[in-house]
Amino acid sequence: MKKNIALTLLVMTTCVSSAYAQECQLPPQQANSPRTETLSKELSKTNACKTVKGLSAKSLKTVWLALLDTKSTGGKRFETPPPVGTPTGKVFAIADKVPFDVSTVIQEGLVSLTIKDDDNGKLVKLPQYVAGQPLLLEKMKAGSSFSWVLVTRKESYRGSFTIPDTDELQEINNKLTELETQDFSADVKAIYQAAIFEEADCYFNRDLILAALRSVKKP
């Protein structure tokens, strides 16, 4: 009887361990270039649960498919999509700063950009625009919401974004800090960072990382 119980426990433990491994590890994924093939192999050797507490391979896979597909997999949909690089949805402010990139519509002829703090109705003071560089919106406080209107000679674009509250910002920061202790390549860390933002619904930050990964020239 004891032998049967021990055998049952061993089988259960093995199954749990196997299921845990499947949940935490990303198997080799489809690639579309030698670079992404190498990155896929590197990712398959990592363990999401051990790398960053609370993260799963599901988020890594979602980010990976988004990297290959070049399409956004989450976030609010707009009749007139905001230009790539403009903040929408939930946004993680790095050092209380949020980038606002207008370079993708610069050829349309910029007319105006207005950003309003929805909490007090005041307009946000904008830095001077330098061609080819994103504006850095400063003093983006936790829990604040903003709306913006970008007007070009061709189109008017609208969007809004919210900074997560203090507790959520701290949780994201903790995960990013934990990731930095890992001995991974810069690209693998970038994929993990994107996965952290994916789980936090910070699609703007996730897509900035994916855009940077795609912009790297393939060997």
N, C-alpha and C. Protein backbone atom coordinates (compact mmCIF):
# COMPACT_ATOMS: atom_id res chain seq x y z
N MET A 1 0.84 -1.20 0.00
CA MET A 1 0.00 0.00 0.00
C MET A 1 0.88 1.26 0.00
N LYS A 2 1.88 1.25 0.91
CA LYS A 2 2.79 2.40 1.00
C LYS A 2 3.55 2.58 -0.30
N LYS A 3 3.90 1.43 -0.92
CA LYS A 3 4.64 1.49 -2.17
C LYS A 3 3.79 2.15 -3.26
N ASN A 4 2.50 1.78 -3.30
CA ASN A 4 1.60 2.36 -4.30
C ASN A 4 1.41 3.86 -4.09
N ILE A 5 1.31 4.27 -2.80
CA ILE A 5 1.17 5.69 -2.49
C ILE A 5 2.41 6.46 -2.93
N ALA A 6 3.58 5.89 -2.65
CA ALA A 6 4.84 6.53 -3.02
C ALA A 6 4.95 6.66 -4.53
N LEU A 7 4.51 5.59 -5.25
CA LEU A 7 4.57 5.61 -6.70
C LEU A 7 3.62 6.68 -7.27
N THR A 8 2.43 6.78 -6.66
CA THR A 8 1.46 7.78 -7.08
C THR A 8 2.00 9.19 -6.89
N LEU A 9 2.62 9.41 -5.71
CA LEU A 9 3.20 10.73 -5.42
C LEU A 9 4.32 11.06 -6.40
N LEU A 10 5.11 10.06 -6.76
CA LEU A 10 6.20 10.27 -7.70
C LEU A 10 5.66 10.67 -9.06
N VAL A 11 4.61 9.99 -9.51
CA VAL A 11 4.00 10.30 -10.80
C VAL A 11 3.41 11.70 -10.78
N MET A 12 2.71 12.04 -9.67
CA MET A 12 2.10 13.36 -9.56
C MET A 12 3.16 14.44 -9.57
N THR A 13 4.25 14.22 -8.83
CA THR A 13 5.34 15.19 -8.77
C THR A 13 5.98 15.39 -10.14
N THR A 14 6.16 14.28 -10.86
CA THR A 14 6.75 14.34 -12.19
C THR A 14 5.86 15.13 -13.14
N CYS A 15 4.53 14.88 -13.05
CA CYS A 15 3.58 15.58 -13.91
C CYS A 15 3.55 17.07 -13.61
N VAL A 16 3.58 17.41 -12.30
CA VAL A 16 3.57 18.81 -11.89
C VAL A 16 4.83 19.51 -12.38
N SER A 17 5.98 18.82 -12.23
CA SER A 17 7.25 19.41 -12.67
C SER A 17 7.26 19.62 -14.17
N SER A 18 6.69 18.64 -14.91
CA SER A 18 6.63 18.75 -16.36
C SER A 18 5.73 19.90 -16.78
N ALA A 19 4.57 20.01 -16.11
CA ALA A 19 3.64 21.10 -16.42
C ALA A 19 4.26 22.45 -16.10
N TYR A 20 5.00 22.53 -14.98
CA TYR A 20 5.66 23.77 -14.57
C TYR A 20 6.68 24.19 -15.62
N ALA A 21 7.44 23.20 -16.11
CA ALA A 21 8.46 23.50 -17.12
C ALA A 21 7.81 24.02 -18.40
N GLN A 22 6.70 23.39 -18.80
CA GLN A 22 6.01 23.83 -20.00
C GLN A 22 5.46 25.24 -19.83
N GLU A 23 5.03 25.58 -18.61
CA GLU A 23 4.46 26.90 -18.35
C GLU A 23 5.52 27.97 -18.33
N CYS A 24 6.70 27.62 -17.88
CA CYS A 24 7.75 28.61 -17.64
C CYS A 24 8.76 28.74 -18.78
N GLN A 25 8.85 27.76 -19.63
CA GLN A 25 9.86 27.79 -20.68
C GLN A 25 9.23 27.91 -22.06
N LEU A 26 9.86 28.71 -22.88
CA LEU A 26 9.39 28.93 -24.24
C LEU A 26 10.11 27.97 -25.18
N PRO A 27 9.38 27.06 -25.82
CA PRO A 27 10.04 26.14 -26.76
C PRO A 27 10.52 26.90 -27.97
N PRO A 28 11.46 26.34 -28.74
CA PRO A 28 11.94 27.03 -29.95
C PRO A 28 10.77 27.45 -30.84
N GLN A 29 10.79 28.72 -31.26
CA GLN A 29 9.69 29.27 -32.03
C GLN A 29 10.09 29.51 -33.49
N GLN A 30 9.07 29.69 -34.31
CA GLN A 30 9.30 30.01 -35.70
C GLN A 30 10.11 31.30 -35.81
N ALA A 31 11.02 31.35 -36.76
CA ALA A 31 11.85 32.54 -36.95
C ALA A 31 11.76 32.97 -38.41
N ASN A 32 12.09 34.24 -38.68
CA ASN A 32 12.02 34.74 -40.05
C ASN A 32 13.35 35.29 -40.55
N SER A 33 14.42 35.04 -39.79
CA SER A 33 15.75 35.48 -40.19
C SER A 33 16.78 34.74 -39.33
N PRO A 34 18.04 34.73 -39.77
CA PRO A 34 19.08 34.11 -38.94
C PRO A 34 19.15 34.73 -37.55
N ARG A 35 18.91 36.04 -37.49
CA ARG A 35 18.98 36.74 -36.19
C ARG A 35 17.88 36.26 -35.25
N THR A 36 16.64 36.19 -35.76
CA THR A 36 15.54 35.77 -34.89
C THR A 36 15.64 34.27 -34.58
N GLU A 37 16.27 33.52 -35.47
CA GLU A 37 16.48 32.09 -35.18
C GLU A 37 17.42 31.93 -34.00
N THR A 38 18.48 32.72 -33.99
CA THR A 38 19.42 32.69 -32.86
C THR A 38 18.73 33.14 -31.58
N LEU A 39 17.94 34.19 -31.68
CA LEU A 39 17.23 34.71 -30.51
C LEU A 39 16.23 33.69 -29.98
N SER A 40 15.57 32.97 -30.88
CA SER A 40 14.61 31.94 -30.47
C SER A 40 15.30 30.85 -29.66
N LYS A 41 16.48 30.44 -30.11
CA LYS A 41 17.23 29.40 -29.39
C LYS A 41 17.68 29.89 -28.02
N GLU A 42 18.08 31.16 -27.96
CA GLU A 42 18.51 31.72 -26.68
C GLU A 42 17.34 31.79 -25.69
N LEU A 43 16.18 32.20 -26.18
CA LEU A 43 15.00 32.31 -25.33
C LEU A 43 14.56 30.95 -24.80
N SER A 44 14.67 29.90 -25.64
CA SER A 44 14.22 28.57 -25.24
C SER A 44 15.07 28.00 -24.10
N LYS A 45 16.24 28.57 -23.89
CA LYS A 45 17.12 28.10 -22.81
C LYS A 45 16.86 28.83 -21.49
N THR A 46 16.00 29.84 -21.52
CA THR A 46 15.71 30.59 -20.30
C THR A 46 14.43 30.09 -19.64
N ASN A 47 14.26 30.44 -18.39
CA ASN A 47 13.07 30.05 -17.63
C ASN A 47 12.38 31.31 -17.13
N ALA A 48 11.21 31.61 -17.70
CA ALA A 48 10.52 32.87 -17.39
C ALA A 48 10.22 33.00 -15.90
N CYS A 49 9.80 31.91 -15.27
CA CYS A 49 9.40 31.96 -13.85
C CYS A 49 10.59 32.25 -12.94
N LYS A 50 11.76 31.75 -13.32
CA LYS A 50 12.95 31.97 -12.50
C LYS A 50 13.62 33.30 -12.83
N THR A 51 13.46 33.75 -14.06
CA THR A 51 14.09 35.00 -14.48
C THR A 51 13.42 36.20 -13.84
N VAL A 52 12.08 36.23 -13.92
CA VAL A 52 11.30 37.32 -13.36
C VAL A 52 10.10 36.74 -12.63
N LYS A 53 10.01 36.99 -11.36
CA LYS A 53 8.93 36.45 -10.55
C LYS A 53 7.57 36.90 -11.07
N GLY A 54 6.69 35.92 -11.31
CA GLY A 54 5.34 36.24 -11.76
C GLY A 54 5.16 36.29 -13.26
N LEU A 55 6.26 36.14 -14.01
CA LEU A 55 6.18 36.19 -15.47
C LEU A 55 6.07 34.76 -16.01
N SER A 56 5.34 34.59 -17.11
CA SER A 56 5.19 33.26 -17.70
C SER A 56 5.63 33.26 -19.15
N ALA A 57 5.84 32.06 -19.69
CA ALA A 57 6.25 31.93 -21.08
C ALA A 57 5.15 32.40 -22.03
N LYS A 58 3.91 32.45 -21.55
CA LYS A 58 2.80 32.90 -22.40
C LYS A 58 3.03 34.32 -22.89
N SER A 59 3.49 35.18 -21.99
CA SER A 59 3.76 36.57 -22.37
C SER A 59 4.94 36.65 -23.33
N LEU A 60 5.95 35.82 -23.09
CA LEU A 60 7.10 35.79 -24.00
C LEU A 60 6.67 35.37 -25.40
N LYS A 61 5.81 34.35 -25.47
CA LYS A 61 5.35 33.87 -26.78
C LYS A 61 4.53 34.94 -27.49
N THR A 62 3.66 35.63 -26.75
CA THR A 62 2.85 36.70 -27.34
C THR A 62 3.73 37.78 -27.93
N VAL A 63 4.75 38.17 -27.18
CA VAL A 63 5.68 39.20 -27.64
C VAL A 63 6.47 38.69 -28.85
N TRP A 64 6.87 37.44 -28.79
CA TRP A 64 7.64 36.86 -29.90
C TRP A 64 6.84 36.89 -31.20
N LEU A 65 5.57 36.47 -31.13
CA LEU A 65 4.71 36.46 -32.31
C LEU A 65 4.48 37.89 -32.82
N ALA A 66 4.38 38.84 -31.88
CA ALA A 66 4.21 40.24 -32.28
C ALA A 66 5.46 40.74 -33.00
N LEU A 67 6.63 40.30 -32.55
CA LEU A 67 7.89 40.70 -33.18
C LEU A 67 7.95 40.20 -34.62
N LEU A 68 7.51 38.96 -34.85
CA LEU A 68 7.54 38.40 -36.18
C LEU A 68 6.45 38.96 -37.07
N ASP A 69 5.30 39.25 -36.47
CA ASP A 69 4.12 39.67 -37.23
C ASP A 69 4.13 41.15 -37.57
N THR A 70 4.85 41.94 -36.77
CA THR A 70 4.95 43.41 -36.91
C THR A 70 3.63 44.12 -36.71
N LYS A 71 2.64 43.45 -36.10
CA LYS A 71 1.36 44.08 -35.83
C LYS A 71 1.15 44.17 -34.33
N SER A 72 0.45 45.22 -33.88
CA SER A 72 0.14 45.35 -32.47
C SER A 72 -0.85 44.28 -32.05
N THR A 73 -0.62 43.67 -30.86
CA THR A 73 -1.50 42.60 -30.39
C THR A 73 -2.39 43.04 -29.25
N GLY A 74 -2.37 44.29 -28.89
CA GLY A 74 -3.22 44.74 -27.80
C GLY A 74 -3.33 46.24 -27.78
N GLY A 75 -4.26 46.75 -26.97
CA GLY A 75 -4.41 48.19 -26.87
C GLY A 75 -5.67 48.67 -27.55
N LYS A 76 -5.98 49.94 -27.32
CA LYS A 76 -7.18 50.54 -27.85
C LYS A 76 -7.10 50.71 -29.36
N ARG A 77 -8.24 50.52 -30.04
CA ARG A 77 -8.31 50.70 -31.48
C ARG A 77 -8.91 52.08 -31.81
N PHE A 78 -8.41 52.72 -32.87
CA PHE A 78 -8.85 54.06 -33.23
C PHE A 78 -9.31 54.07 -34.68
N GLU A 79 -10.29 54.96 -35.00
CA GLU A 79 -10.72 55.12 -36.39
C GLU A 79 -9.57 55.64 -37.23
N THR A 80 -8.88 56.65 -36.72
CA THR A 80 -7.65 57.13 -37.34
C THR A 80 -6.51 56.77 -36.40
N PRO A 81 -5.77 55.71 -36.69
CA PRO A 81 -4.74 55.24 -35.77
C PRO A 81 -3.71 56.34 -35.47
N PRO A 82 -3.35 56.51 -34.21
CA PRO A 82 -2.31 57.48 -33.87
C PRO A 82 -0.99 57.08 -34.52
N PRO A 83 -0.15 58.03 -34.86
CA PRO A 83 1.14 57.71 -35.47
C PRO A 83 1.97 56.81 -34.56
N VAL A 84 2.76 55.96 -35.16
CA VAL A 84 3.65 55.10 -34.39
C VAL A 84 4.58 55.96 -33.55
N GLY A 85 4.71 55.62 -32.28
CA GLY A 85 5.59 56.38 -31.39
C GLY A 85 4.88 57.40 -30.53
N THR A 86 3.56 57.57 -30.76
CA THR A 86 2.79 58.48 -29.91
C THR A 86 2.11 57.69 -28.80
N PRO A 87 2.14 58.18 -27.56
CA PRO A 87 1.65 57.39 -26.42
C PRO A 87 0.13 57.26 -26.36
N THR A 88 -0.33 56.04 -26.17
CA THR A 88 -1.75 55.75 -25.98
C THR A 88 -1.90 54.64 -24.96
N GLY A 89 -3.06 54.58 -24.31
CA GLY A 89 -3.31 53.53 -23.33
C GLY A 89 -2.52 53.73 -22.05
N LYS A 90 -2.19 52.63 -21.41
CA LYS A 90 -1.41 52.68 -20.18
C LYS A 90 0.07 52.78 -20.54
N VAL A 91 0.75 53.76 -19.97
CA VAL A 91 2.14 54.04 -20.34
C VAL A 91 3.03 54.04 -19.10
N PHE A 92 4.13 53.30 -19.18
CA PHE A 92 5.12 53.30 -18.11
C PHE A 92 6.08 54.46 -18.34
N ALA A 93 6.09 55.40 -17.41
CA ALA A 93 6.96 56.57 -17.53
C ALA A 93 8.34 56.25 -16.96
N ILE A 94 9.36 56.34 -17.79
CA ILE A 94 10.72 56.07 -17.35
C ILE A 94 11.32 57.35 -16.78
N ALA A 95 11.63 57.31 -15.49
CA ALA A 95 12.15 58.51 -14.79
C ALA A 95 11.18 59.67 -14.96
N ASP A 96 9.87 59.37 -14.85
CA ASP A 96 8.81 60.38 -14.96
C ASP A 96 8.75 61.05 -16.33
N LYS A 97 9.31 60.40 -17.34
CA LYS A 97 9.30 60.97 -18.69
C LYS A 97 8.66 60.00 -19.68
N VAL A 98 7.91 60.56 -20.63
CA VAL A 98 7.25 59.76 -21.67
C VAL A 98 7.66 60.30 -23.04
N PRO A 99 8.17 59.46 -23.93
CA PRO A 99 8.54 59.93 -25.27
C PRO A 99 7.31 60.14 -26.15
N PHE A 100 7.33 61.18 -26.96
CA PHE A 100 6.25 61.46 -27.91
C PHE A 100 6.92 61.69 -29.26
N ASP A 101 6.85 60.69 -30.13
CA ASP A 101 7.59 60.73 -31.39
C ASP A 101 6.67 61.10 -32.55
N VAL A 102 6.99 62.18 -33.24
CA VAL A 102 6.17 62.63 -34.37
C VAL A 102 6.89 62.42 -35.70
N SER A 103 8.00 61.69 -35.68
CA SER A 103 8.83 61.56 -36.89
C SER A 103 8.11 60.86 -38.04
N THR A 104 7.15 59.97 -37.72
CA THR A 104 6.48 59.23 -38.79
C THR A 104 5.50 60.10 -39.58
N VAL A 105 5.15 61.27 -39.05
CA VAL A 105 4.22 62.16 -39.77
C VAL A 105 4.87 63.50 -40.10
N ILE A 106 6.17 63.58 -39.92
CA ILE A 106 6.85 64.85 -40.14
C ILE A 106 6.68 65.33 -41.58
N GLN A 107 6.59 64.35 -42.52
CA GLN A 107 6.45 64.70 -43.93
C GLN A 107 5.08 65.31 -44.24
N GLU A 108 4.11 65.14 -43.33
CA GLU A 108 2.77 65.73 -43.52
C GLU A 108 2.76 67.22 -43.19
N GLY A 109 3.79 67.68 -42.53
CA GLY A 109 3.85 69.08 -42.13
C GLY A 109 3.18 69.29 -40.79
N LEU A 110 3.97 69.45 -39.74
CA LEU A 110 3.42 69.62 -38.40
C LEU A 110 2.80 71.00 -38.23
N VAL A 111 1.61 71.03 -37.65
CA VAL A 111 0.92 72.29 -37.39
C VAL A 111 0.90 72.59 -35.90
N SER A 112 0.44 71.62 -35.11
CA SER A 112 0.39 71.84 -33.66
C SER A 112 0.29 70.52 -32.90
N LEU A 113 0.71 70.57 -31.67
CA LEU A 113 0.56 69.45 -30.75
C LEU A 113 0.10 70.01 -29.41
N THR A 114 -1.04 69.54 -28.94
CA THR A 114 -1.59 70.00 -27.67
C THR A 114 -1.79 68.81 -26.75
N ILE A 115 -1.25 68.89 -25.55
CA ILE A 115 -1.40 67.82 -24.57
C ILE A 115 -2.02 68.41 -23.31
N LYS A 116 -3.09 67.78 -22.83
CA LYS A 116 -3.80 68.30 -21.67
C LYS A 116 -3.78 67.30 -20.52
N ASP A 117 -3.53 67.81 -19.32
CA ASP A 117 -3.63 67.01 -18.11
C ASP A 117 -5.10 66.89 -17.75
N ASP A 118 -5.66 65.70 -17.90
CA ASP A 118 -7.11 65.53 -17.68
C ASP A 118 -7.52 65.75 -16.23
N ASP A 119 -6.57 65.63 -15.30
CA ASP A 119 -6.90 65.77 -13.88
C ASP A 119 -7.17 67.22 -13.48
N ASN A 120 -6.46 68.16 -14.13
CA ASN A 120 -6.66 69.57 -13.76
C ASN A 120 -7.00 70.46 -14.96
N GLY A 121 -7.05 69.87 -16.14
CA GLY A 121 -7.42 70.63 -17.34
C GLY A 121 -6.33 71.54 -17.88
N LYS A 122 -5.15 71.49 -17.27
CA LYS A 122 -4.06 72.36 -17.71
C LYS A 122 -3.30 71.76 -18.89
N LEU A 123 -2.77 72.63 -19.74
CA LEU A 123 -1.97 72.18 -20.87
C LEU A 123 -0.56 71.83 -20.39
N VAL A 124 -0.01 70.81 -20.98
CA VAL A 124 1.34 70.37 -20.62
C VAL A 124 2.36 71.19 -21.41
N LYS A 125 3.34 71.73 -20.70
CA LYS A 125 4.38 72.50 -21.37
C LYS A 125 5.28 71.55 -22.15
N LEU A 126 5.45 71.82 -23.43
CA LEU A 126 6.21 70.91 -24.30
C LEU A 126 7.62 71.44 -24.55
N PRO A 127 8.58 70.53 -24.63
CA PRO A 127 9.96 70.95 -24.95
C PRO A 127 10.04 71.33 -26.43
N GLN A 128 11.10 72.01 -26.79
CA GLN A 128 11.30 72.39 -28.18
C GLN A 128 11.55 71.15 -29.02
N TYR A 129 10.90 71.09 -30.17
CA TYR A 129 11.04 69.91 -31.01
C TYR A 129 12.36 69.93 -31.78
N VAL A 130 13.07 68.82 -31.73
CA VAL A 130 14.31 68.65 -32.50
C VAL A 130 14.04 67.58 -33.55
N ALA A 131 14.20 67.93 -34.82
CA ALA A 131 13.88 67.01 -35.91
C ALA A 131 14.56 65.66 -35.72
N GLY A 132 13.77 64.60 -35.87
CA GLY A 132 14.31 63.25 -35.79
C GLY A 132 14.39 62.68 -34.39
N GLN A 133 14.07 63.49 -33.38
CA GLN A 133 14.13 63.02 -32.00
C GLN A 133 12.76 63.14 -31.34
N PRO A 134 12.40 62.15 -30.49
CA PRO A 134 11.11 62.25 -29.80
C PRO A 134 11.13 63.33 -28.73
N LEU A 135 10.00 63.98 -28.55
CA LEU A 135 9.85 64.91 -27.43
C LEU A 135 9.82 64.09 -26.14
N LEU A 136 10.41 64.60 -25.09
CA LEU A 136 10.34 63.91 -23.81
C LEU A 136 9.40 64.69 -22.89
N LEU A 137 8.21 64.15 -22.69
CA LEU A 137 7.23 64.79 -21.81
C LEU A 137 7.64 64.52 -20.37
N GLU A 138 7.86 65.56 -19.59
CA GLU A 138 8.39 65.40 -18.24
C GLU A 138 7.32 65.56 -17.16
N LYS A 139 7.67 65.10 -15.97
CA LYS A 139 6.82 65.19 -14.78
C LYS A 139 5.48 64.47 -14.98
N MET A 140 5.56 63.29 -15.58
CA MET A 140 4.37 62.46 -15.76
C MET A 140 4.14 61.68 -14.46
N LYS A 141 3.31 62.18 -13.60
CA LYS A 141 3.12 61.61 -12.27
C LYS A 141 2.26 60.35 -12.29
N ALA A 142 2.52 59.49 -11.33
CA ALA A 142 1.77 58.23 -11.20
C ALA A 142 0.28 58.51 -11.07
N GLY A 143 -0.53 57.72 -11.80
CA GLY A 143 -1.97 57.84 -11.72
C GLY A 143 -2.57 58.97 -12.53
N SER A 144 -1.75 59.73 -13.25
CA SER A 144 -2.26 60.86 -14.04
C SER A 144 -2.74 60.40 -15.42
N SER A 145 -3.71 61.14 -15.97
CA SER A 145 -4.25 60.85 -17.30
C SER A 145 -4.09 62.07 -18.19
N PHE A 146 -3.78 61.83 -19.44
CA PHE A 146 -3.54 62.91 -20.39
C PHE A 146 -4.24 62.63 -21.72
N SER A 147 -4.64 63.68 -22.41
CA SER A 147 -5.19 63.55 -23.76
C SER A 147 -4.43 64.51 -24.68
N TRP A 148 -4.33 64.15 -25.93
CA TRP A 148 -3.56 64.98 -26.84
C TRP A 148 -4.20 65.04 -28.23
N VAL A 149 -3.86 66.12 -28.94
CA VAL A 149 -4.29 66.32 -30.32
C VAL A 149 -3.07 66.75 -31.14
N LEU A 150 -2.77 65.98 -32.16
CA LEU A 150 -1.65 66.29 -33.05
C LEU A 150 -2.23 66.64 -34.42
N VAL A 151 -1.96 67.85 -34.89
CA VAL A 151 -2.51 68.33 -36.16
C VAL A 151 -1.38 68.50 -37.17
N THR A 152 -1.58 67.91 -38.35
CA THR A 152 -0.67 68.12 -39.47
C THR A 152 -1.48 68.77 -40.60
N ARG A 153 -0.82 69.12 -41.69
CA ARG A 153 -1.55 69.71 -42.81
C ARG A 153 -2.44 68.68 -43.52
N LYS A 154 -2.24 67.42 -43.19
CA LYS A 154 -3.01 66.36 -43.84
C LYS A 154 -4.08 65.76 -42.94
N GLU A 155 -3.81 65.69 -41.63
CA GLU A 155 -4.69 64.92 -40.74
C GLU A 155 -4.64 65.46 -39.32
N SER A 156 -5.69 65.15 -38.54
CA SER A 156 -5.70 65.43 -37.11
C SER A 156 -5.74 64.10 -36.37
N TYR A 157 -4.81 63.92 -35.44
CA TYR A 157 -4.72 62.68 -34.69
C TYR A 157 -5.03 62.96 -33.22
N ARG A 158 -5.74 62.04 -32.61
CA ARG A 158 -6.08 62.18 -31.20
C ARG A 158 -5.71 60.91 -30.44
N GLY A 159 -5.37 61.11 -29.18
CA GLY A 159 -5.05 59.96 -28.34
C GLY A 159 -5.09 60.34 -26.88
N SER A 160 -4.94 59.36 -26.04
CA SER A 160 -4.89 59.61 -24.59
C SER A 160 -4.05 58.52 -23.94
N PHE A 161 -3.49 58.84 -22.81
CA PHE A 161 -2.70 57.84 -22.09
C PHE A 161 -2.79 58.09 -20.58
N THR A 162 -2.53 57.02 -19.85
CA THR A 162 -2.59 57.07 -18.38
C THR A 162 -1.33 56.47 -17.80
N ILE A 163 -0.80 57.12 -16.78
CA ILE A 163 0.35 56.59 -16.07
C ILE A 163 -0.17 55.67 -14.95
N PRO A 164 0.34 54.44 -14.83
CA PRO A 164 -0.13 53.55 -13.77
C PRO A 164 0.06 54.17 -12.39
N ASP A 165 -0.69 53.67 -11.41
CA ASP A 165 -0.55 54.21 -10.06
C ASP A 165 0.78 53.78 -9.44
N THR A 166 1.08 54.31 -8.29
CA THR A 166 2.39 54.09 -7.66
C THR A 166 2.70 52.62 -7.43
N ASP A 167 1.73 51.87 -6.92
CA ASP A 167 1.96 50.46 -6.62
C ASP A 167 2.27 49.66 -7.89
N GLU A 168 1.55 49.95 -8.96
CA GLU A 168 1.78 49.23 -10.20
C GLU A 168 3.12 49.61 -10.82
N LEU A 169 3.46 50.88 -10.75
CA LEU A 169 4.76 51.32 -11.24
C LEU A 169 5.89 50.62 -10.50
N GLN A 170 5.72 50.48 -9.17
CA GLN A 170 6.73 49.82 -8.36
C GLN A 170 6.87 48.35 -8.74
N GLU A 171 5.74 47.70 -9.00
CA GLU A 171 5.76 46.29 -9.39
C GLU A 171 6.49 46.10 -10.72
N ILE A 172 6.21 46.98 -11.67
CA ILE A 172 6.90 46.90 -12.96
C ILE A 172 8.39 47.16 -12.78
N ASN A 173 8.72 48.18 -11.97
CA ASN A 173 10.13 48.50 -11.70
C ASN A 173 10.86 47.33 -11.07
N ASN A 174 10.19 46.64 -10.14
CA ASN A 174 10.80 45.50 -9.48
C ASN A 174 11.15 44.40 -10.48
N LYS A 175 10.23 44.16 -11.42
CA LYS A 175 10.46 43.12 -12.42
C LYS A 175 11.60 43.51 -13.36
N LEU A 176 11.63 44.78 -13.75
CA LEU A 176 12.71 45.25 -14.64
C LEU A 176 14.06 45.17 -13.93
N THR A 177 14.07 45.49 -12.64
CA THR A 177 15.31 45.43 -11.85
C THR A 177 15.78 43.99 -11.71
N GLU A 178 14.83 43.09 -11.46
CA GLU A 178 15.16 41.66 -11.34
C GLU A 178 15.74 41.13 -12.65
N LEU A 179 15.18 41.58 -13.77
CA LEU A 179 15.67 41.15 -15.08
C LEU A 179 17.10 41.59 -15.31
N GLU A 180 17.44 42.79 -14.85
CA GLU A 180 18.79 43.33 -15.07
C GLU A 180 19.88 42.50 -14.41
N THR A 181 19.53 41.69 -13.42
CA THR A 181 20.53 40.87 -12.74
C THR A 181 20.88 39.62 -13.54
N GLN A 182 20.12 39.34 -14.60
CA GLN A 182 20.34 38.13 -15.39
C GLN A 182 21.44 38.33 -16.42
N ASP A 183 22.18 37.27 -16.68
CA ASP A 183 23.29 37.33 -17.63
C ASP A 183 22.79 36.92 -19.02
N PHE A 184 21.96 37.77 -19.59
CA PHE A 184 21.39 37.52 -20.91
C PHE A 184 21.94 38.53 -21.91
N SER A 185 21.79 38.21 -23.19
CA SER A 185 22.16 39.17 -24.23
C SER A 185 21.18 40.34 -24.20
N ALA A 186 21.58 41.43 -24.83
CA ALA A 186 20.72 42.63 -24.84
C ALA A 186 19.38 42.34 -25.51
N ASP A 187 19.40 41.53 -26.58
CA ASP A 187 18.15 41.22 -27.29
C ASP A 187 17.21 40.37 -26.44
N VAL A 188 17.76 39.40 -25.71
CA VAL A 188 16.93 38.55 -24.85
C VAL A 188 16.32 39.40 -23.73
N LYS A 189 17.11 40.28 -23.16
CA LYS A 189 16.59 41.17 -22.13
C LYS A 189 15.48 42.06 -22.69
N ALA A 190 15.66 42.51 -23.93
CA ALA A 190 14.65 43.36 -24.55
C ALA A 190 13.33 42.60 -24.72
N ILE A 191 13.41 41.33 -25.12
CA ILE A 191 12.21 40.51 -25.27
C ILE A 191 11.52 40.35 -23.91
N TYR A 192 12.30 40.11 -22.87
CA TYR A 192 11.73 39.97 -21.53
C TYR A 192 11.11 41.29 -21.06
N GLN A 193 11.78 42.41 -21.35
CA GLN A 193 11.21 43.70 -20.98
C GLN A 193 9.86 43.90 -21.67
N ALA A 194 9.80 43.56 -22.96
CA ALA A 194 8.55 43.68 -23.70
C ALA A 194 7.47 42.79 -23.09
N ALA A 195 7.86 41.60 -22.62
CA ALA A 195 6.90 40.68 -22.00
C ALA A 195 6.38 41.24 -20.68
N ILE A 196 7.24 41.90 -19.93
CA ILE A 196 6.83 42.54 -18.67
C ILE A 196 5.79 43.62 -18.97
N PHE A 197 6.03 44.42 -19.99
CA PHE A 197 5.08 45.46 -20.37
C PHE A 197 3.80 44.86 -20.95
N GLU A 198 3.93 43.75 -21.65
CA GLU A 198 2.76 43.04 -22.18
C GLU A 198 1.82 42.64 -21.05
N GLU A 199 2.37 42.05 -19.99
CA GLU A 199 1.55 41.61 -18.87
C GLU A 199 0.94 42.78 -18.11
N ALA A 200 1.62 43.92 -18.15
CA ALA A 200 1.12 45.11 -17.45
C ALA A 200 0.17 45.93 -18.32
N ASP A 201 -0.11 45.46 -19.54
CA ASP A 201 -0.97 46.17 -20.50
C ASP A 201 -0.37 47.50 -20.94
N CYS A 202 0.94 47.63 -20.82
CA CYS A 202 1.63 48.84 -21.29
C CYS A 202 2.09 48.59 -22.73
N TYR A 203 1.13 48.55 -23.65
CA TYR A 203 1.42 48.18 -25.02
C TYR A 203 2.29 49.20 -25.74
N PHE A 204 2.17 50.46 -25.35
CA PHE A 204 3.00 51.50 -25.95
C PHE A 204 4.48 51.19 -25.70
N ASN A 205 4.83 50.89 -24.46
CA ASN A 205 6.22 50.57 -24.13
C ASN A 205 6.68 49.29 -24.81
N ARG A 206 5.78 48.29 -24.82
CA ARG A 206 6.10 47.03 -25.49
C ARG A 206 6.43 47.26 -26.97
N ASP A 207 5.59 48.06 -27.64
CA ASP A 207 5.77 48.27 -29.07
C ASP A 207 7.01 49.09 -29.38
N LEU A 208 7.41 49.99 -28.48
CA LEU A 208 8.66 50.73 -28.67
C LEU A 208 9.85 49.78 -28.70
N ILE A 209 9.82 48.80 -27.80
CA ILE A 209 10.91 47.81 -27.74
C ILE A 209 10.92 46.96 -29.00
N LEU A 210 9.74 46.50 -29.42
CA LEU A 210 9.66 45.67 -30.62
C LEU A 210 10.12 46.44 -31.85
N ALA A 211 9.76 47.72 -31.93
CA ALA A 211 10.20 48.54 -33.06
C ALA A 211 11.72 48.67 -33.09
N ALA A 212 12.32 48.82 -31.90
CA ALA A 212 13.78 48.92 -31.81
C ALA A 212 14.44 47.61 -32.24
N LEU A 213 13.85 46.48 -31.85
CA LEU A 213 14.39 45.17 -32.24
C LEU A 213 14.30 44.97 -33.75
N ARG A 214 13.20 45.41 -34.35
CA ARG A 214 13.03 45.24 -35.79
C ARG A 214 13.98 46.14 -36.58
N SER A 215 14.36 47.26 -36.00
CA SER A 215 15.17 48.24 -36.71
C SER A 215 16.63 47.82 -36.81
N VAL A 216 17.03 46.86 -35.98
CA VAL A 216 18.42 46.38 -36.02
C VAL A 216 18.63 45.62 -37.31
N LYS A 217 19.69 45.94 -38.01
CA LYS A 217 19.96 45.29 -39.28
C LYS A 217 20.23 43.81 -39.10
N LYS A 218 19.65 43.01 -39.98
CA LYS A 218 19.86 41.56 -39.93
C LYS A 218 21.24 41.21 -40.46
N PRO A 219 21.89 40.22 -39.84
CA PRO A 219 23.21 39.85 -40.32
C PRO A 219 23.15 39.21 -41.71
